[in-house]
PDB file of N, CA and C in Angstrom:
ATOM      1  N   MET A   1     -65.012  -9.497  30.163  1.00  0.00           N
ATOM      2  CA  MET A   1     -65.302  -9.914  28.801  1.00  0.00           C
ATOM      3  C   MET A   1     -65.145 -11.432  28.684  1.00  0.00           C
ATOM      4  N   ALA A   2     -65.931 -12.022  27.794  1.00  0.00           N
ATOM      5  CA  ALA A   2     -65.971 -13.478  27.675  1.00  0.00           C
ATOM      6  C   ALA A   2     -64.742 -14.026  26.951  1.00  0.00           C
ATOM      7  N   ASN A   3     -64.467 -13.536  25.739  1.00  0.00           N
ATOM      8  CA  ASN A   3     -63.331 -13.990  24.945  1.00  0.00           C
ATOM      9  C   ASN A   3     -63.247 -15.512  24.837  1.00  0.00           C
ATOM     10  N   LYS A   4     -64.379 -16.144  24.583  1.00  0.00           N
ATOM     11  CA  LYS A   4     -64.467 -17.586  24.388  1.00  0.00           C
ATOM     12  C   LYS A   4     -64.594 -17.847  22.898  1.00  0.00           C
ATOM     13  N   GLN A   5     -63.969 -18.894  22.413  1.00  0.00           N
ATOM     14  CA  GLN A   5     -64.006 -19.234  20.990  1.00  0.00           C
ATOM     15  C   GLN A   5     -64.680 -20.595  20.807  1.00  0.00           C
ATOM     16  N   THR A   6     -65.584 -20.677  19.825  1.00  0.00           N
ATOM     17  CA  THR A   6     -66.181 -21.965  19.473  1.00  0.00           C
ATOM     18  C   THR A   6     -65.888 -22.226  17.998  1.00  0.00           C
ATOM     19  N   ASP A   7     -65.402 -23.426  17.704  1.00  0.00           N
ATOM     20  CA  ASP A   7     -65.059 -23.806  16.337  1.00  0.00           C
ATOM     21  C   ASP A   7     -66.217 -24.560  15.693  1.00  0.00           C
ATOM     22  N   HIS A   8     -66.379 -24.336  14.384  1.00  0.00           N
ATOM     23  CA  HIS A   8     -67.454 -24.951  13.605  1.00  0.00           C
ATOM     24  C   HIS A   8     -66.894 -25.400  12.257  1.00  0.00           C
ATOM     25  N   ASP A   9     -67.657 -26.208  11.518  1.00  0.00           N
ATOM     26  CA  ASP A   9     -67.234 -26.646  10.184  1.00  0.00           C
ATOM     27  C   ASP A   9     -67.016 -25.470   9.234  1.00  0.00           C
ATOM     28  N   TRP A  10     -67.754 -24.411   9.423  1.00  0.00           N
ATOM     29  CA  TRP A  10     -67.699 -23.243   8.535  1.00  0.00           C
ATOM     30  C   TRP A  10     -66.692 -22.187   8.980  1.00  0.00           C
ATOM     31  N   GLY A  11     -66.159 -22.292  10.196  1.00  0.00           N
ATOM     32  CA  GLY A  11     -65.229 -21.280  10.725  1.00  0.00           C
ATOM     33  C   GLY A  11     -65.282 -21.245  12.224  1.00  0.00           C
ATOM     34  N   ARG A  12     -65.414 -20.033  12.829  1.00  0.00           N
ATOM     35  CA  ARG A  12     -65.440 -19.942  14.285  1.00  0.00           C
ATOM     36  C   ARG A  12     -66.252 -18.732  14.745  1.00  0.00           C
ATOM     37  N   MET A  13     -66.634 -18.796  16.020  1.00  0.00           N
ATOM     38  CA  MET A  13     -67.289 -17.675  16.695  1.00  0.00           C
ATOM     39  C   MET A  13     -66.385 -17.255  17.841  1.00  0.00           C
ATOM     40  N   ASP A  14     -66.058 -15.991  17.893  1.00  0.00           N
ATOM     41  CA  ASP A  14     -65.322 -15.417  19.015  1.00  0.00           C
ATOM     42  C   ASP A  14     -66.340 -14.672  19.869  1.00  0.00           C
ATOM     43  N   TRP A  15     -66.666 -15.224  21.038  1.00  0.00           N
ATOM     44  CA  TRP A  15     -67.675 -14.634  21.917  1.00  0.00           C
ATOM     45  C   TRP A  15     -67.046 -13.508  22.721  1.00  0.00           C
ATOM     46  N   LEU A  16     -67.523 -12.313  22.489  1.00  0.00           N
ATOM     47  CA  LEU A  16     -67.003 -11.135  23.172  1.00  0.00           C
ATOM     48  C   LEU A  16     -67.746 -10.886  24.480  1.00  0.00           C
ATOM     49  N   LEU A  17     -69.033 -11.265  24.501  1.00  0.00           N
ATOM     50  CA  LEU A  17     -69.866 -11.102  25.683  1.00  0.00           C
ATOM     51  C   LEU A  17     -70.975 -12.137  25.591  1.00  0.00           C
ATOM     52  N   ASP A  18     -71.112 -12.979  26.610  1.00  0.00           N
ATOM     53  CA  ASP A  18     -72.155 -14.001  26.541  1.00  0.00           C
ATOM     54  C   ASP A  18     -72.760 -14.277  27.907  1.00  0.00           C
ATOM     55  N   GLY A  19     -73.616 -15.281  27.985  1.00  0.00           N
ATOM     56  CA  GLY A  19     -74.365 -15.584  29.191  1.00  0.00           C
ATOM     57  C   GLY A  19     -73.536 -16.020  30.376  1.00  0.00           C
ATOM     58  N   GLU A  20     -72.273 -16.304  30.174  1.00  0.00           N
ATOM     59  CA  GLU A  20     -71.428 -16.721  31.286  1.00  0.00           C
ATOM     60  C   GLU A  20     -70.932 -15.545  32.122  1.00  0.00           C
ATOM     61  N   GLU A  21     -71.192 -14.351  31.652  1.00  0.00           N
ATOM     62  CA  GLU A  21     -70.787 -13.169  32.410  1.00  0.00           C
ATOM     63  C   GLU A  21     -71.655 -13.054  33.669  1.00  0.00           C
ATOM     64  N   ALA A  22     -71.041 -12.919  34.810  1.00  0.00           N
ATOM     65  CA  ALA A  22     -71.760 -12.866  36.082  1.00  0.00           C
ATOM     66  C   ALA A  22     -72.710 -11.668  36.153  1.00  0.00           C
ATOM     67  N   GLU A  23     -72.276 -10.533  35.710  1.00  0.00           N
ATOM     68  CA  GLU A  23     -73.083  -9.312  35.754  1.00  0.00           C
ATOM     69  C   GLU A  23     -73.378  -8.839  34.338  1.00  0.00           C
ATOM     70  N   GLY A  24     -73.802  -9.765  33.480  1.00  0.00           N
ATOM     71  CA  GLY A  24     -74.042  -9.462  32.071  1.00  0.00           C
ATOM     72  C   GLY A  24     -75.124  -8.425  31.853  1.00  0.00           C
ATOM     73  N   PRO A  25     -75.073  -7.726  30.729  1.00  0.00           N
ATOM     74  CA  PRO A  25     -76.006  -6.636  30.444  1.00  0.00           C
ATOM     75  C   PRO A  25     -77.343  -7.097  29.843  1.00  0.00           C
ATOM     76  N   GLY A  26     -77.546  -8.397  29.639  1.00  0.00           N
ATOM     77  CA  GLY A  26     -78.808  -8.863  29.066  1.00  0.00           C
ATOM     78  C   GLY A  26     -78.761  -9.087  27.572  1.00  0.00           C
ATOM     79  N   PHE A  27     -77.589  -9.015  26.959  1.00  0.00           N
ATOM     80  CA  PHE A  27     -77.428  -9.344  25.545  1.00  0.00           C
ATOM     81  C   PHE A  27     -76.092 -10.037  25.360  1.00  0.00           C
ATOM     82  N   SER A  28     -75.865 -10.601  24.174  1.00  0.00           N
ATOM     83  CA  SER A  28     -74.575 -11.239  23.893  1.00  0.00           C
ATOM     84  C   SER A  28     -74.062 -10.786  22.541  1.00  0.00           C
ATOM     85  N   VAL A  29     -72.729 -10.800  22.401  1.00  0.00           N
ATOM     86  CA  VAL A  29     -72.067 -10.296  21.197  1.00  0.00           C
ATOM     87  C   VAL A  29     -70.991 -11.291  20.766  1.00  0.00           C
ATOM     88  N   ALA A  30     -70.945 -11.554  19.467  1.00  0.00           N
ATOM     89  CA  ALA A  30     -69.928 -12.461  18.930  1.00  0.00           C
ATOM     90  C   ALA A  30     -69.393 -11.936  17.611  1.00  0.00           C
ATOM     91  N   LYS A  31     -68.167 -12.307  17.322  1.00  0.00           N
ATOM     92  CA  LYS A  31     -67.546 -12.057  16.020  1.00  0.00           C
ATOM     93  C   LYS A  31     -67.557 -13.401  15.294  1.00  0.00           C
ATOM     94  N   MET A  32     -68.147 -13.439  14.114  1.00  0.00           N
ATOM     95  CA  MET A  32     -68.218 -14.659  13.307  1.00  0.00           C
ATOM     96  C   MET A  32     -67.183 -14.559  12.196  1.00  0.00           C
ATOM     97  N   ILE A  33     -66.304 -15.552  12.128  1.00  0.00           N
ATOM     98  CA  ILE A  33     -65.312 -15.625  11.056  1.00  0.00           C
ATOM     99  C   ILE A  33     -65.678 -16.842  10.222  1.00  0.00           C
ATOM    100  N   MET A  34     -66.116 -16.591   8.986  1.00  0.00           N
ATOM    101  CA  MET A  34     -66.605 -17.667   8.127  1.00  0.00           C
ATOM    102  C   MET A  34     -65.657 -17.869   6.952  1.00  0.00           C
ATOM    103  N   GLU A  35     -65.178 -19.094   6.835  1.00  0.00           N
ATOM    104  CA  GLU A  35     -64.244 -19.441   5.763  1.00  0.00           C
ATOM    105  C   GLU A  35     -64.921 -19.340   4.391  1.00  0.00           C
ATOM    106  N   ALA A  36     -64.120 -19.081   3.373  1.00  0.00           N
ATOM    107  CA  ALA A  36     -64.618 -18.979   1.996  1.00  0.00           C
ATOM    108  C   ALA A  36     -65.258 -20.294   1.558  1.00  0.00           C
ATOM    109  N   GLY A  37     -66.371 -20.200   0.845  1.00  0.00           N
ATOM    110  CA  GLY A  37     -67.030 -21.374   0.293  1.00  0.00           C
ATOM    111  C   GLY A  37     -67.797 -22.218   1.292  1.00  0.00           C
ATOM    112  N   ARG A  38     -68.041 -21.721   2.490  1.00  0.00           N
ATOM    113  CA  ARG A  38     -68.710 -22.504   3.527  1.00  0.00           C
ATOM    114  C   ARG A  38     -70.165 -22.069   3.699  1.00  0.00           C
ATOM    115  N   VAL A  39     -70.958 -22.995   4.241  1.00  0.00           N
ATOM    116  CA  VAL A  39     -72.384 -22.769   4.464  1.00  0.00           C
ATOM    117  C   VAL A  39     -72.695 -23.090   5.928  1.00  0.00           C
ATOM    118  N   GLY A  40     -73.340 -22.167   6.600  1.00  0.00           N
ATOM    119  CA  GLY A  40     -73.749 -22.390   7.980  1.00  0.00           C
ATOM    120  C   GLY A  40     -74.999 -23.246   8.058  1.00  0.00           C
ATOM    121  N   GLU A  41     -75.242 -23.757   9.244  1.00  0.00           N
ATOM    122  CA  GLU A  41     -76.398 -24.615   9.497  1.00  0.00           C
ATOM    123  C   GLU A  41     -77.678 -23.780   9.592  1.00  0.00           C
ATOM    124  N   LYS A  42     -78.776 -24.300   9.041  1.00  0.00           N
ATOM    125  CA  LYS A  42     -80.072 -23.644   9.215  1.00  0.00           C
ATOM    126  C   LYS A  42     -80.473 -23.770  10.679  1.00  0.00           C
ATOM    127  N   HIS A  43     -80.902 -22.645  11.265  1.00  0.00           N
ATOM    128  CA  HIS A  43     -81.267 -22.636  12.668  1.00  0.00           C
ATOM    129  C   HIS A  43     -82.178 -21.457  12.978  1.00  0.00           C
ATOM    130  N   CYS A  44     -82.652 -21.426  14.216  1.00  0.00           N
ATOM    131  CA  CYS A  44     -83.421 -20.281  14.672  1.00  0.00           C
ATOM    132  C   CYS A  44     -83.139 -20.040  16.151  1.00  0.00           C
ATOM    133  N   HIS A  45     -83.504 -18.856  16.607  1.00  0.00           N
ATOM    134  CA  HIS A  45     -83.394 -18.466  18.007  1.00  0.00           C
ATOM    135  C   HIS A  45     -84.798 -18.025  18.428  1.00  0.00           C
ATOM    136  N   ASP A  46     -85.530 -18.914  19.083  1.00  0.00           N
ATOM    137  CA  ASP A  46     -86.913 -18.611  19.429  1.00  0.00           C
ATOM    138  C   ASP A  46     -87.055 -17.526  20.484  1.00  0.00           C
ATOM    139  N   ASN A  47     -86.021 -17.330  21.287  1.00  0.00           N
ATOM    140  CA  ASN A  47     -86.145 -16.397  22.403  1.00  0.00           C
ATOM    141  C   ASN A  47     -85.439 -15.061  22.202  1.00  0.00           C
ATOM    142  N   CYS A  48     -84.929 -14.790  20.996  1.00  0.00           N
ATOM    143  CA  CYS A  48     -84.245 -13.504  20.826  1.00  0.00           C
ATOM    144  C   CYS A  48     -84.133 -13.099  19.361  1.00  0.00           C
ATOM    145  N   GLN A  49     -83.929 -11.819  19.179  1.00  0.00           N
ATOM    146  CA  GLN A  49     -83.598 -11.263  17.865  1.00  0.00           C
ATOM    147  C   GLN A  49     -82.086 -11.329  17.695  1.00  0.00           C
ATOM    148  N   GLU A  50     -81.655 -11.275  16.439  1.00  0.00           N
ATOM    149  CA  GLU A  50     -80.221 -11.284  16.143  1.00  0.00           C
ATOM    150  C   GLU A  50     -79.923 -10.144  15.175  1.00  0.00           C
ATOM    151  N   PHE A  51     -79.035  -9.265  15.579  1.00  0.00           N
ATOM    152  CA  PHE A  51     -78.559  -8.194  14.699  1.00  0.00           C
ATOM    153  C   PHE A  51     -77.260  -8.679  14.075  1.00  0.00           C
ATOM    154  N   LEU A  52     -77.178  -8.606  12.762  1.00  0.00           N
ATOM    155  CA  LEU A  52     -76.024  -9.120  12.028  1.00  0.00           C
ATOM    156  C   LEU A  52     -75.434  -7.979  11.196  1.00  0.00           C
ATOM    157  N   MET A  53     -74.128  -7.755  11.321  1.00  0.00           N
ATOM    158  CA  MET A  53     -73.454  -6.742  10.513  1.00  0.00           C
ATOM    159  C   MET A  53     -72.225  -7.362   9.855  1.00  0.00           C
ATOM    160  N   VAL A  54     -72.128  -7.208   8.545  1.00  0.00           N
ATOM    161  CA  VAL A  54     -70.971  -7.707   7.802  1.00  0.00           C
ATOM    162  C   VAL A  54     -69.872  -6.659   7.893  1.00  0.00           C
ATOM    163  N   GLU A  55     -68.731  -7.062   8.411  1.00  0.00           N
ATOM    164  CA  GLU A  55     -67.588  -6.157   8.519  1.00  0.00           C
ATOM    165  C   GLU A  55     -66.632  -6.302   7.342  1.00  0.00           C
ATOM    166  N   GLN A  56     -66.502  -7.532   6.864  1.00  0.00           N
ATOM    167  CA  GLN A  56     -65.553  -7.812   5.779  1.00  0.00           C
ATOM    168  C   GLN A  56     -66.125  -8.925   4.918  1.00  0.00           C
ATOM    169  N   GLY A  57     -65.962  -8.789   3.614  1.00  0.00           N
ATOM    170  CA  GLY A  57     -66.400  -9.823   2.693  1.00  0.00           C
ATOM    171  C   GLY A  57     -67.838  -9.623   2.242  1.00  0.00           C
ATOM    172  N   ARG A  58     -68.394 -10.726   1.760  1.00  0.00           N
ATOM    173  CA  ARG A  58     -69.754 -10.721   1.219  1.00  0.00           C
ATOM    174  C   ARG A  58     -70.384 -12.055   1.573  1.00  0.00           C
ATOM    175  N   VAL A  59     -71.613 -12.045   2.065  1.00  0.00           N
ATOM    176  CA  VAL A  59     -72.310 -13.277   2.412  1.00  0.00           C
ATOM    177  C   VAL A  59     -73.739 -13.230   1.874  1.00  0.00           C
ATOM    178  N   ILE A  60     -74.361 -14.382   1.876  1.00  0.00           N
ATOM    179  CA  ILE A  60     -75.786 -14.470   1.576  1.00  0.00           C
ATOM    180  C   ILE A  60     -76.484 -14.883   2.860  1.00  0.00           C
ATOM    181  N   LEU A  61     -77.475 -14.104   3.258  1.00  0.00           N
ATOM    182  CA  LEU A  61     -78.321 -14.470   4.384  1.00  0.00           C
ATOM    183  C   LEU A  61     -79.549 -15.150   3.795  1.00  0.00           C
ATOM    184  N   GLU A  62     -79.757 -16.396   4.175  1.00  0.00           N
ATOM    185  CA  GLU A  62     -80.968 -17.103   3.795  1.00  0.00           C
ATOM    186  C   GLU A  62     -81.878 -17.075   5.014  1.00  0.00           C
ATOM    187  N   MET A  63     -83.058 -16.460   4.856  1.00  0.00           N
ATOM    188  CA  MET A  63     -83.971 -16.321   5.987  1.00  0.00           C
ATOM    189  C   MET A  63     -85.388 -16.639   5.532  1.00  0.00           C
ATOM    190  N   ASP A  64     -85.995 -17.593   6.199  1.00  0.00           N
ATOM    191  CA  ASP A  64     -87.356 -18.018   5.884  1.00  0.00           C
ATOM    192  C   ASP A  64     -87.533 -18.288   4.389  1.00  0.00           C
ATOM    193  N   GLY A  65     -86.541 -18.952   3.782  1.00  0.00           N
ATOM    194  CA  GLY A  65     -86.626 -19.365   2.386  1.00  0.00           C
ATOM    195  C   GLY A  65     -86.234 -18.327   1.352  1.00  0.00           C
ATOM    196  N   ARG A  66     -85.900 -17.125   1.781  1.00  0.00           N
ATOM    197  CA  ARG A  66     -85.480 -16.059   0.851  1.00  0.00           C
ATOM    198  C   ARG A  66     -84.007 -15.760   1.058  1.00  0.00           C
ATOM    199  N   GLN A  67     -83.346 -15.306  -0.004  1.00  0.00           N
ATOM    200  CA  GLN A  67     -81.916 -14.987   0.085  1.00  0.00           C
ATOM    201  C   GLN A  67     -81.682 -13.505  -0.136  1.00  0.00           C
ATOM    202  N   ARG A  68     -80.720 -12.979   0.631  1.00  0.00           N
ATOM    203  CA  ARG A  68     -80.329 -11.575   0.489  1.00  0.00           C
ATOM    204  C   ARG A  68     -78.821 -11.492   0.600  1.00  0.00           C
ATOM    205  N   GLU A  69     -78.182 -10.851  -0.375  1.00  0.00           N
ATOM    206  CA  GLU A  69     -76.737 -10.675  -0.345  1.00  0.00           C
ATOM    207  C   GLU A  69     -76.399  -9.452   0.502  1.00  0.00           C
ATOM    208  N   LEU A  70     -75.422  -9.627   1.386  1.00  0.00           N
ATOM    209  CA  LEU A  70     -74.966  -8.544   2.250  1.00  0.00           C
ATOM    210  C   LEU A  70     -73.473  -8.325   2.042  1.00  0.00           C
ATOM    211  N   HIS A  71     -73.073  -7.076   1.922  1.00  0.00           N
ATOM    212  CA  HIS A  71     -71.676  -6.687   1.716  1.00  0.00           C
ATOM    213  C   HIS A  71     -71.149  -5.988   2.966  1.00  0.00           C
ATOM    214  N   GLY A  72     -69.833  -5.795   3.016  1.00  0.00           N
ATOM    215  CA  GLY A  72     -69.210  -5.088   4.124  1.00  0.00           C
ATOM    216  C   GLY A  72     -69.917  -3.780   4.427  1.00  0.00           C
ATOM    217  N   GLY A  73     -70.239  -3.546   5.692  1.00  0.00           N
ATOM    218  CA  GLY A  73     -70.918  -2.333   6.118  1.00  0.00           C
ATOM    219  C   GLY A  73     -72.431  -2.459   6.166  1.00  0.00           C
ATOM    220  N   GLU A  74     -72.985  -3.531   5.614  1.00  0.00           N
ATOM    221  CA  GLU A  74     -74.432  -3.724   5.629  1.00  0.00           C
ATOM    222  C   GLU A  74     -74.852  -4.560   6.835  1.00  0.00           C
ATOM    223  N   SER A  75     -76.089  -4.353   7.272  1.00  0.00           N
ATOM    224  CA  SER A  75     -76.586  -5.069   8.440  1.00  0.00           C
ATOM    225  C   SER A  75     -78.056  -5.412   8.256  1.00  0.00           C
ATOM    226  N   ILE A  76     -78.535  -6.301   9.137  1.00  0.00           N
ATOM    227  CA  ILE A  76     -79.936  -6.709   9.095  1.00  0.00           C
ATOM    228  C   ILE A  76     -80.331  -7.206  10.485  1.00  0.00           C
ATOM    229  N   LEU A  77     -81.605  -7.057  10.797  1.00  0.00           N
ATOM    230  CA  LEU A  77     -82.146  -7.574  12.056  1.00  0.00           C
ATOM    231  C   LEU A  77     -82.947  -8.829  11.727  1.00  0.00           C
ATOM    232  N   ILE A  78     -82.593  -9.927  12.375  1.00  0.00           N
ATOM    233  CA  ILE A  78     -83.278 -11.208  12.184  1.00  0.00           C
ATOM    234  C   ILE A  78     -84.277 -11.366  13.331  1.00  0.00           C
ATOM    235  N   PRO A  79     -85.572 -11.456  13.007  1.00  0.00           N
ATOM    236  CA  PRO A  79     -86.586 -11.569  14.071  1.00  0.00           C
ATOM    237  C   PRO A  79     -86.465 -12.880  14.845  1.00  0.00           C
ATOM    238  N   ALA A  80     -86.920 -12.874  16.079  1.00  0.00           N
ATOM    239  CA  ALA A  80     -86.960 -14.093  16.883  1.00  0.00           C
ATOM    240  C   ALA A  80     -87.779 -15.154  16.145  1.00  0.00           C
ATOM    241  N   GLY A  81     -87.276 -16.378  16.124  1.00  0.00           N
ATOM    242  CA  GLY A  81     -87.972 -17.492  15.503  1.00  0.00           C
ATOM    243  C   GLY A  81     -87.767 -17.649  14.014  1.00  0.00           C
ATOM    244  N   ALA A  82     -87.107 -16.686  13.350  1.00  0.00           N
ATOM    245  CA  ALA A  82     -86.882 -16.779  11.903  1.00  0.00           C
ATOM    246  C   ALA A  82     -85.809 -17.834  11.608  1.00  0.00           C
ATOM    247  N   VAL A  83     -86.120 -18.757  10.714  1.00  0.00           N
ATOM    248  CA  VAL A  83     -85.146 -19.772  10.296  1.00  0.00           C
ATOM    249  C   VAL A  83     -84.155 -19.097   9.355  1.00  0.00           C
ATOM    250  N   HIS A  84     -82.861 -19.246   9.657  1.00  0.00           N
ATOM    251  CA  HIS A  84     -81.856 -18.564   8.848  1.00  0.00           C
ATOM    252  C   HIS A  84     -80.532 -19.318   8.839  1.00  0.00           C
ATOM    253  N   ARG A  85     -79.686 -18.931   7.900  1.00  0.00           N
ATOM    254  CA  ARG A  85     -78.302 -19.411   7.840  1.00  0.00           C
ATOM    255  C   ARG A  85     -77.500 -18.433   7.001  1.00  0.00           C
ATOM    256  N   ILE A  86     -76.197 -18.492   7.173  1.00  0.00           N
ATOM    257  CA  ILE A  86     -75.260 -17.642   6.433  1.00  0.00           C
ATOM    258  C   ILE A  86     -74.519 -18.519   5.433  1.00  0.00           C
ATOM    259  N   ILE A  87     -74.361 -17.999   4.232  1.00  0.00           N
ATOM    260  CA  ILE A  87     -73.642 -18.687   3.162  1.00  0.00           C
ATOM    261  C   ILE A  87     -72.522 -17.768   2.689  1.00  0.00           C
ATOM    262  N   ASN A  88     -71.303 -18.285   2.679  1.00  0.00           N
ATOM    263  CA  ASN A  88     -70.179 -17.524   2.139  1.00  0.00           C
ATOM    264  C   ASN A  88     -69.744 -18.218   0.853  1.00  0.00           C
ATOM    265  N   ASN A  89     -70.344 -17.818  -0.261  1.00  0.00           N
ATOM    266  CA  ASN A  89     -69.986 -18.427  -1.546  1.00  0.00           C
ATOM    267  C   ASN A  89     -68.904 -17.633  -2.262  1.00  0.00           C
ATOM    268  N   CYS A  90     -68.233 -16.790  -1.532  1.00  0.00           N
ATOM    269  CA  CYS A  90     -67.161 -15.952  -2.068  1.00  0.00           C
ATOM    270  C   CYS A  90     -65.807 -16.662  -1.891  1.00  0.00           C
ATOM    271  N   CYS A  91     -64.769 -16.060  -2.389  1.00  0.00           N
ATOM    272  CA  CYS A  91     -63.432 -16.664  -2.331  1.00  0.00           C
ATOM    273  C   CYS A  91     -62.571 -16.076  -1.211  1.00  0.00           C
ATOM    274  N   GLU A  92     -63.206 -15.339  -0.281  1.00  0.00           N
ATOM    275  CA  GLU A  92     -62.458 -14.781   0.841  1.00  0.00           C
ATOM    276  C   GLU A  92     -63.220 -14.976   2.149  1.00  0.00           C
ATOM    277  N   ILE A  93     -62.508 -14.867   3.239  1.00  0.00           N
ATOM    278  CA  ILE A  93     -63.108 -14.973   4.561  1.00  0.00           C
ATOM    279  C   ILE A  93     -64.099 -13.834   4.758  1.00  0.00           C
ATOM    280  N   ALA A  94     -65.206 -14.143   5.420  1.00  0.00           N
ATOM    281  CA  ALA A  94     -66.175 -13.117   5.803  1.00  0.00           C
ATOM    282  C   ALA A  94     -66.114 -12.936   7.318  1.00  0.00           C
ATOM    283  N   VAL A  95     -66.190 -11.689   7.757  1.00  0.00           N
ATOM    284  CA  VAL A  95     -66.188 -11.370   9.178  1.00  0.00           C
ATOM    285  C   VAL A  95     -67.470 -10.607   9.480  1.00  0.00           C
ATOM    286  N   LEU A  96     -68.221 -11.109  10.478  1.00  0.00           N
ATOM    287  CA  LEU A  96     -69.488 -10.505  10.850  1.00  0.00           C
ATOM    288  C   LEU A  96     -69.523 -10.263  12.353  1.00  0.00           C
ATOM    289  N   THR A  97     -70.258  -9.257  12.771  1.00  0.00           N
ATOM    290  CA  THR A  97     -70.543  -9.047  14.177  1.00  0.00           C
ATOM    291  C   THR A  97     -72.004  -9.409  14.398  1.00  0.00           C
ATOM    292  N   LEU A  98     -72.260 -10.219  15.432  1.00  0.00           N
ATOM    293  CA  LEU A  98     -73.605 -10.668  15.760  1.00  0.00           C
ATOM    294  C   LEU A  98     -73.948 -10.193  17.159  1.00  0.00           C
ATOM    295  N   VAL A  99     -75.126  -9.605  17.317  1.00  0.00           N
ATOM    296  CA  VAL A  99     -75.611  -9.176  18.624  1.00  0.00           C
ATOM    297  C   VAL A  99     -76.968  -9.831  18.847  1.00  0.00           C
ATOM    298  N   TYR A 100     -77.084 -10.558  19.955  1.00  0.00           N
ATOM    299  CA  TYR A 100     -78.323 -11.247  20.318  1.00  0.00           C
ATOM    300  C   TYR A 100     -79.004 -10.468  21.433  1.00  0.00           C
ATOM    301  N   SER A 101     -80.335 -10.391  21.377  1.00  0.00           N
ATOM    302  CA  SER A 101     -81.081  -9.557  22.312  1.00  0.00           C
ATOM    303  C   SER A 101     -81.259 -10.186  23.697  1.00  0.00           C
ATOM    304  N   THR A 102     -80.575 -11.275  23.962  1.00  0.00           N
ATOM    305  CA  THR A 102     -80.569 -11.878  25.293  1.00  0.00           C
ATOM    306  C   THR A 102     -79.189 -12.478  25.564  1.00  0.00           C
ATOM    307  N   HIS A 103     -78.859 -12.614  26.823  1.00  0.00           N
ATOM    308  CA  HIS A 103     -77.589 -13.255  27.186  1.00  0.00           C
ATOM    309  C   HIS A 103     -77.735 -14.777  27.171  1.00  0.00           C
ATOM    310  N   ASP A 104     -78.980 -15.266  27.134  1.00  0.00           N
ATOM    311  CA  ASP A 104     -79.262 -16.692  27.223  1.00  0.00           C
ATOM    312  C   ASP A 104     -79.970 -17.169  25.945  1.00  0.00           C
ATOM    313  N   ARG A 105     -79.331 -16.975  24.809  1.00  0.00           N
ATOM    314  CA  ARG A 105     -79.965 -17.288  23.528  1.00  0.00           C
ATOM    315  C   ARG A 105     -80.164 -18.799  23.359  1.00  0.00           C
ATOM    316  N   GLN A 106     -81.290 -19.137  22.743  1.00  0.00           N
ATOM    317  CA  GLN A 106     -81.561 -20.542  22.402  1.00  0.00           C
ATOM    318  C   GLN A 106     -81.145 -20.757  20.953  1.00  0.00           C
ATOM    319  N   TYR A 107     -80.671 -21.958  20.662  1.00  0.00           N
ATOM    320  CA  TYR A 107     -80.246 -22.314  19.307  1.00  0.00           C
ATOM    321  C   TYR A 107     -80.945 -23.619  18.944  1.00  0.00           C
ATOM    322  N   THR A 108     -81.751 -23.589  17.886  1.00  0.00           N
ATOM    323  CA  THR A 108     -82.458 -24.773  17.436  1.00  0.00           C
ATOM    324  C   THR A 108     -82.077 -25.062  15.998  1.00  0.00           C
ATOM    325  N   SER A 109     -81.484 -26.225  15.729  1.00  0.00           N
ATOM    326  CA  SER A 109     -81.154 -26.634  14.356  1.00  0.00           C
ATOM    327  C   SER A 109     -82.441 -26.963  13.610  1.00  0.00           C
ATOM    328  N   VAL A 110     -82.469 -26.615  12.336  1.00  0.00           N
ATOM    329  CA  VAL A 110     -83.626 -26.846  11.482  1.00  0.00           C
ATOM    330  C   VAL A 110     -83.158 -27.609  10.241  1.00  0.00           C
ATOM    331  N   ASP A 111     -83.864 -28.661   9.880  1.00  0.00           N
ATOM    332  CA  ASP A 111     -83.500 -29.428   8.674  1.00  0.00           C
ATOM    333  C   ASP A 111     -83.849 -28.713   7.400  1.00  0.00           C
TER     334      ASP A 111
END
């Protein structure tokens, strides 16, 4: 297991399985912990889909200019190339599980 952590302005990602695994299964999994009142960066993954499941809290998924509120237990599939970001405009931490359809995901920031 990867168990690598990356820190961000909005919180952190705990990588449970990623491309650094020698015998990886072809996908990657992360736990996203997003602080209250924070906004993630707009970005896309041209080479993979992203499955997102909210485990705790409430977030807004902004995807291709539209917003959708997601609550604990809800999930969505983000198509490859879709511009998206997560917004936590709530007063509590949000915890999400993210699964990417490749172990070698690309990340492109979008203005």
